Amino acid sequence: MPRSVNNVASRARRKRFMELAKGYFGRKKNVWTVAKNAIEKGLVYAYRDRKAKKRDFRALWIARINAGARLHGMSYSELMGKAKKANIELNRKVLADLAMNHPAAFEAVVKQLG
């Protein structure tokens, strides 16, 4: 009995992968084995970088808060310690936005800390 191959499913799977390779340069966009490897690697990077993005933004927010705090004669750690004691529950994202875009509001928060 001849071997049965599900060509419809195989073609659909390859087509789905090749559509993901649109926009890649050179053989990565039109050669099946090269495109498959590039897409799999890209998906691994995407998974990894969804985690790294959170770390990167936290570091950015901390740098911005630190810069704003130092304008008012305080370090980042002092500011966050005093905010925790004063039960000010503004997260780093909001504090960084205040420090960058609303310096008067950030100054009011710093003055409230004493």
N, C-alpha and C. Protein backbone atom coordinates (compact mmCIF):
# COMPACT_ATOMS: atom_id res chain seq x y z
N MET A 1 0.84 -1.19 0.00
CA MET A 1 0.00 0.00 0.00
C MET A 1 0.89 1.25 0.00
N PRO A 2 0.57 2.23 -0.83
CA PRO A 2 1.41 3.42 -0.91
C PRO A 2 1.32 4.26 0.37
N ARG A 3 2.40 4.99 0.59
CA ARG A 3 2.44 5.85 1.78
C ARG A 3 1.48 7.03 1.58
N SER A 4 0.72 7.32 2.63
CA SER A 4 -0.24 8.42 2.55
C SER A 4 0.37 9.67 3.17
N VAL A 5 0.35 10.75 2.44
CA VAL A 5 0.86 12.02 2.97
C VAL A 5 -0.26 13.05 2.90
N ASN A 6 -0.40 13.79 3.94
CA ASN A 6 -1.44 14.82 3.97
C ASN A 6 -0.87 16.10 3.41
N ASN A 7 -0.86 16.19 2.09
CA ASN A 7 -0.24 17.30 1.41
C ASN A 7 -0.95 18.62 1.69
N VAL A 8 -2.25 18.57 1.90
CA VAL A 8 -3.02 19.78 2.17
C VAL A 8 -2.55 20.43 3.47
N ALA A 9 -2.41 19.62 4.50
CA ALA A 9 -1.98 20.14 5.80
C ALA A 9 -0.53 20.62 5.75
N SER A 10 0.32 19.87 5.05
CA SER A 10 1.73 20.25 4.94
C SER A 10 1.86 21.60 4.23
N ARG A 11 1.14 21.75 3.14
CA ARG A 11 1.18 22.99 2.37
C ARG A 11 0.65 24.15 3.20
N ALA A 12 -0.43 23.91 3.94
CA ALA A 12 -1.02 24.97 4.78
C ALA A 12 -0.03 25.40 5.86
N ARG A 13 0.65 24.43 6.46
CA ARG A 13 1.62 24.75 7.51
C ARG A 13 2.77 25.58 6.94
N ARG A 14 3.28 25.16 5.77
CA ARG A 14 4.37 25.91 5.14
C ARG A 14 3.91 27.31 4.73
N LYS A 15 2.69 27.39 4.23
CA LYS A 15 2.16 28.68 3.79
C LYS A 15 2.04 29.64 4.98
N ARG A 16 1.57 29.12 6.11
CA ARG A 16 1.43 29.94 7.31
C ARG A 16 2.79 30.48 7.75
N PHE A 17 3.82 29.62 7.70
CA PHE A 17 5.16 30.04 8.09
C PHE A 17 5.71 31.07 7.10
N MET A 18 5.50 30.82 5.81
CA MET A 18 6.05 31.72 4.80
C MET A 18 5.38 33.10 4.87
N GLU A 19 4.12 33.14 5.29
CA GLU A 19 3.46 34.44 5.46
C GLU A 19 4.10 35.21 6.62
N LEU A 20 4.55 34.50 7.64
CA LEU A 20 5.24 35.15 8.75
C LEU A 20 6.60 35.70 8.32
N ALA A 21 7.17 35.12 7.24
CA ALA A 21 8.50 35.53 6.78
C ALA A 21 8.43 36.74 5.85
N LYS A 22 7.25 37.26 5.56
CA LYS A 22 7.13 38.42 4.70
C LYS A 22 7.91 39.59 5.31
N GLY A 23 8.69 40.26 4.48
CA GLY A 23 9.46 41.40 4.95
C GLY A 23 10.90 41.05 5.33
N TYR A 24 11.20 39.75 5.41
CA TYR A 24 12.58 39.36 5.70
C TYR A 24 13.41 39.58 4.45
N PHE A 25 14.74 39.65 4.61
CA PHE A 25 15.65 39.96 3.51
C PHE A 25 16.25 38.68 2.94
N GLY A 26 16.38 38.65 1.63
CA GLY A 26 17.09 37.56 0.95
C GLY A 26 16.37 36.23 1.05
N ARG A 27 17.14 35.16 1.26
CA ARG A 27 16.56 33.81 1.27
C ARG A 27 15.64 33.58 2.46
N LYS A 28 15.76 34.43 3.47
CA LYS A 28 14.92 34.25 4.65
C LYS A 28 13.44 34.39 4.32
N LYS A 29 13.11 35.05 3.22
CA LYS A 29 11.71 35.27 2.91
C LYS A 29 11.13 34.25 1.92
N ASN A 30 11.98 33.48 1.21
CA ASN A 30 11.39 32.62 0.19
C ASN A 30 11.94 31.20 0.13
N VAL A 31 12.91 30.85 0.95
CA VAL A 31 13.42 29.48 0.99
C VAL A 31 12.92 28.85 2.28
N TRP A 32 12.20 27.74 2.14
CA TRP A 32 11.47 27.15 3.26
C TRP A 32 12.35 26.91 4.48
N THR A 33 13.47 26.21 4.34
CA THR A 33 14.26 25.84 5.51
C THR A 33 14.87 27.06 6.18
N VAL A 34 15.34 28.01 5.39
CA VAL A 34 15.94 29.22 5.94
C VAL A 34 14.87 30.06 6.62
N ALA A 35 13.71 30.19 5.97
CA ALA A 35 12.61 30.98 6.54
C ALA A 35 12.12 30.36 7.84
N LYS A 36 12.00 29.03 7.88
CA LYS A 36 11.52 28.35 9.07
C LYS A 36 12.45 28.62 10.25
N ASN A 37 13.76 28.52 10.01
CA ASN A 37 14.73 28.78 11.08
C ASN A 37 14.67 30.24 11.54
N ALA A 38 14.53 31.16 10.59
CA ALA A 38 14.49 32.58 10.93
C ALA A 38 13.24 32.91 11.75
N ILE A 39 12.11 32.32 11.37
CA ILE A 39 10.86 32.59 12.09
C ILE A 39 10.92 32.01 13.49
N GLU A 40 11.42 30.78 13.61
CA GLU A 40 11.51 30.16 14.94
C GLU A 40 12.42 30.98 15.84
N LYS A 41 13.53 31.44 15.31
CA LYS A 41 14.45 32.27 16.09
C LYS A 41 13.79 33.59 16.47
N GLY A 42 13.06 34.16 15.52
CA GLY A 42 12.36 35.41 15.79
C GLY A 42 11.32 35.26 16.88
N LEU A 43 10.62 34.14 16.90
CA LEU A 43 9.62 33.89 17.94
C LEU A 43 10.27 33.71 19.31
N VAL A 44 11.45 33.11 19.32
CA VAL A 44 12.20 32.97 20.57
C VAL A 44 12.60 34.36 21.09
N TYR A 45 13.11 35.21 20.18
CA TYR A 45 13.48 36.57 20.57
C TYR A 45 12.26 37.33 21.09
N ALA A 46 11.12 37.15 20.41
CA ALA A 46 9.90 37.86 20.81
C ALA A 46 9.49 37.47 22.22
N TYR A 47 9.56 36.18 22.52
CA TYR A 47 9.20 35.68 23.86
C TYR A 47 10.14 36.27 24.91
N ARG A 48 11.43 36.20 24.60
CA ARG A 48 12.45 36.71 25.54
C ARG A 48 12.27 38.20 25.78
N ASP A 49 12.05 38.94 24.70
CA ASP A 49 12.02 40.39 24.81
C ASP A 49 10.72 40.93 25.39
N ARG A 50 9.67 40.13 25.40
CA ARG A 50 8.47 40.56 26.13
C ARG A 50 8.77 40.64 27.62
N LYS A 51 9.67 39.78 28.08
CA LYS A 51 10.09 39.81 29.49
C LYS A 51 11.09 40.96 29.72
N ALA A 52 12.03 41.11 28.79
CA ALA A 52 13.08 42.13 28.93
C ALA A 52 12.49 43.54 28.86
N LYS A 53 11.41 43.70 28.11
CA LYS A 53 10.77 45.01 27.97
C LYS A 53 10.35 45.55 29.33
N LYS A 54 9.83 44.69 30.16
CA LYS A 54 9.39 45.10 31.50
C LYS A 54 10.57 45.59 32.33
N ARG A 55 11.70 44.87 32.23
CA ARG A 55 12.91 45.28 32.95
C ARG A 55 13.43 46.61 32.43
N ASP A 56 13.42 46.77 31.11
CA ASP A 56 13.94 47.98 30.50
C ASP A 56 13.13 49.21 30.92
N PHE A 57 11.81 49.06 30.92
CA PHE A 57 10.96 50.19 31.30
C PHE A 57 11.14 50.54 32.76
N ARG A 58 11.25 49.52 33.62
CA ARG A 58 11.46 49.79 35.05
C ARG A 58 12.76 50.56 35.26
N ALA A 59 13.82 50.17 34.56
CA ALA A 59 15.10 50.87 34.66
C ALA A 59 14.98 52.32 34.19
N LEU A 60 14.23 52.53 33.11
CA LEU A 60 14.02 53.88 32.59
C LEU A 60 13.26 54.74 33.60
N TRP A 61 12.20 54.16 34.18
CA TRP A 61 11.41 54.91 35.17
C TRP A 61 12.26 55.28 36.37
N ILE A 62 13.10 54.35 36.83
CA ILE A 62 13.95 54.61 37.99
C ILE A 62 14.93 55.74 37.68
N ALA A 63 15.51 55.74 36.49
CA ALA A 63 16.45 56.79 36.09
C ALA A 63 15.75 58.15 36.07
N ARG A 64 14.54 58.19 35.56
CA ARG A 64 13.80 59.46 35.49
C ARG A 64 13.41 59.96 36.87
N ILE A 65 12.97 59.05 37.73
CA ILE A 65 12.60 59.44 39.10
C ILE A 65 13.84 59.94 39.84
N ASN A 66 14.95 59.25 39.66
CA ASN A 66 16.20 59.65 40.31
C ASN A 66 16.61 61.05 39.87
N ALA A 67 16.51 61.33 38.57
CA ALA A 67 16.88 62.66 38.06
C ALA A 67 15.97 63.72 38.67
N GLY A 68 14.68 63.43 38.73
CA GLY A 68 13.73 64.39 39.33
C GLY A 68 13.98 64.58 40.81
N ALA A 69 14.28 63.50 41.50
CA ALA A 69 14.52 63.57 42.95
C ALA A 69 15.77 64.39 43.25
N ARG A 70 16.80 64.21 42.45
CA ARG A 70 18.06 64.92 42.70
C ARG A 70 17.93 66.43 42.47
N LEU A 71 16.97 66.84 41.64
CA LEU A 71 16.70 68.27 41.48
C LEU A 71 16.18 68.87 42.79
N HIS A 72 15.62 68.01 43.63
CA HIS A 72 15.06 68.46 44.91
C HIS A 72 15.92 68.01 46.09
N GLY A 73 17.19 67.71 45.83
CA GLY A 73 18.15 67.40 46.88
C GLY A 73 17.92 66.05 47.57
N MET A 74 17.48 65.08 46.82
CA MET A 74 17.17 63.77 47.39
C MET A 74 17.59 62.70 46.40
N SER A 75 17.96 61.53 46.91
CA SER A 75 18.29 60.43 45.99
C SER A 75 17.03 59.60 45.73
N TYR A 76 17.13 58.73 44.75
CA TYR A 76 15.99 57.86 44.41
C TYR A 76 15.58 57.01 45.59
N SER A 77 16.58 56.40 46.26
CA SER A 77 16.26 55.49 47.36
C SER A 77 15.62 56.23 48.53
N GLU A 78 16.09 57.44 48.80
CA GLU A 78 15.48 58.26 49.86
C GLU A 78 14.03 58.56 49.51
N LEU A 79 13.81 58.98 48.27
CA LEU A 79 12.46 59.33 47.83
C LEU A 79 11.51 58.15 47.96
N MET A 80 11.94 56.99 47.49
CA MET A 80 11.07 55.81 47.53
C MET A 80 10.84 55.34 48.95
N GLY A 81 11.87 55.44 49.79
CA GLY A 81 11.71 55.06 51.19
C GLY A 81 10.72 55.96 51.91
N LYS A 82 10.83 57.26 51.68
CA LYS A 82 9.90 58.21 52.31
C LYS A 82 8.48 58.04 51.76
N ALA A 83 8.38 57.75 50.47
CA ALA A 83 7.05 57.54 49.87
C ALA A 83 6.38 56.32 50.48
N LYS A 84 7.15 55.28 50.73
CA LYS A 84 6.60 54.07 51.33
C LYS A 84 6.14 54.35 52.76
N LYS A 85 6.95 55.09 53.52
CA LYS A 85 6.57 55.43 54.90
C LYS A 85 5.33 56.32 54.96
N ALA A 86 5.22 57.23 53.98
CA ALA A 86 4.09 58.16 53.94
C ALA A 86 2.85 57.54 53.29
N ASN A 87 2.93 56.27 52.94
CA ASN A 87 1.82 55.54 52.29
C ASN A 87 1.36 56.22 51.00
N ILE A 88 2.30 56.77 50.26
CA ILE A 88 1.99 57.31 48.93
C ILE A 88 2.14 56.17 47.96
N GLU A 89 1.04 55.73 47.40
CA GLU A 89 1.05 54.54 46.55
C GLU A 89 1.05 54.89 45.07
N LEU A 90 1.99 55.73 44.68
CA LEU A 90 2.19 56.01 43.26
C LEU A 90 3.26 55.07 42.75
N ASN A 91 2.97 54.37 41.66
CA ASN A 91 3.98 53.44 41.15
C ASN A 91 5.06 54.19 40.37
N ARG A 92 6.10 53.47 40.00
CA ARG A 92 7.24 54.09 39.34
C ARG A 92 6.87 54.70 38.00
N LYS A 93 5.95 54.07 37.30
CA LYS A 93 5.52 54.59 35.99
C LYS A 93 4.92 55.98 36.15
N VAL A 94 4.04 56.13 37.12
CA VAL A 94 3.36 57.42 37.35
C VAL A 94 4.36 58.46 37.85
N LEU A 95 5.21 58.07 38.80
CA LEU A 95 6.21 59.01 39.32
C LEU A 95 7.15 59.49 38.22
N ALA A 96 7.56 58.57 37.34
CA ALA A 96 8.45 58.94 36.24
C ALA A 96 7.75 59.90 35.29
N ASP A 97 6.47 59.67 35.03
CA ASP A 97 5.72 60.57 34.15
C ASP A 97 5.60 61.96 34.79
N LEU A 98 5.34 61.99 36.09
CA LEU A 98 5.27 63.28 36.78
C LEU A 98 6.61 64.00 36.72
N ALA A 99 7.69 63.27 36.96
CA ALA A 99 9.03 63.88 36.95
C ALA A 99 9.37 64.46 35.58
N MET A 100 8.97 63.76 34.52
CA MET A 100 9.30 64.20 33.16
C MET A 100 8.38 65.30 32.66
N ASN A 101 7.07 65.07 32.78
CA ASN A 101 6.09 65.92 32.09
C ASN A 101 5.37 66.92 32.98
N HIS A 102 5.38 66.68 34.28
CA HIS A 102 4.66 67.57 35.21
C HIS A 102 5.54 67.86 36.42
N PRO A 103 6.61 68.67 36.24
CA PRO A 103 7.56 68.90 37.33
C PRO A 103 6.91 69.54 38.56
N ALA A 104 5.90 70.38 38.36
CA ALA A 104 5.24 71.02 39.50
C ALA A 104 4.53 69.97 40.36
N ALA A 105 3.87 69.03 39.72
CA ALA A 105 3.18 67.97 40.45
C ALA A 105 4.18 67.07 41.16
N PHE A 106 5.31 66.80 40.50
CA PHE A 106 6.35 65.97 41.13
C PHE A 106 6.92 66.69 42.35
N GLU A 107 7.11 68.00 42.22
CA GLU A 107 7.62 68.79 43.34
C GLU A 107 6.64 68.75 44.51
N ALA A 108 5.35 68.79 44.21
CA ALA A 108 4.33 68.72 45.27
C ALA A 108 4.42 67.38 46.01
N VAL A 109 4.65 66.31 45.27
CA VAL A 109 4.81 64.98 45.88
C VAL A 109 6.05 64.97 46.78
N VAL A 110 7.15 65.53 46.28
CA VAL A 110 8.40 65.56 47.06
C VAL A 110 8.22 66.38 48.33
N LYS A 111 7.53 67.53 48.23
CA LYS A 111 7.30 68.39 49.40
C LYS A 111 6.41 67.69 50.42
N GLN A 112 5.49 66.89 49.95
CA GLN A 112 4.61 66.15 50.86
C GLN A 112 5.40 65.13 51.67
N LEU A 113 6.48 64.66 51.09
CA LEU A 113 7.32 63.68 51.80
C LEU A 113 8.16 64.36 52.89
N GLY A 114 8.41 65.64 52.73
CA GLY A 114 9.16 66.37 53.75
C GLY A 114 10.62 66.39 53.57
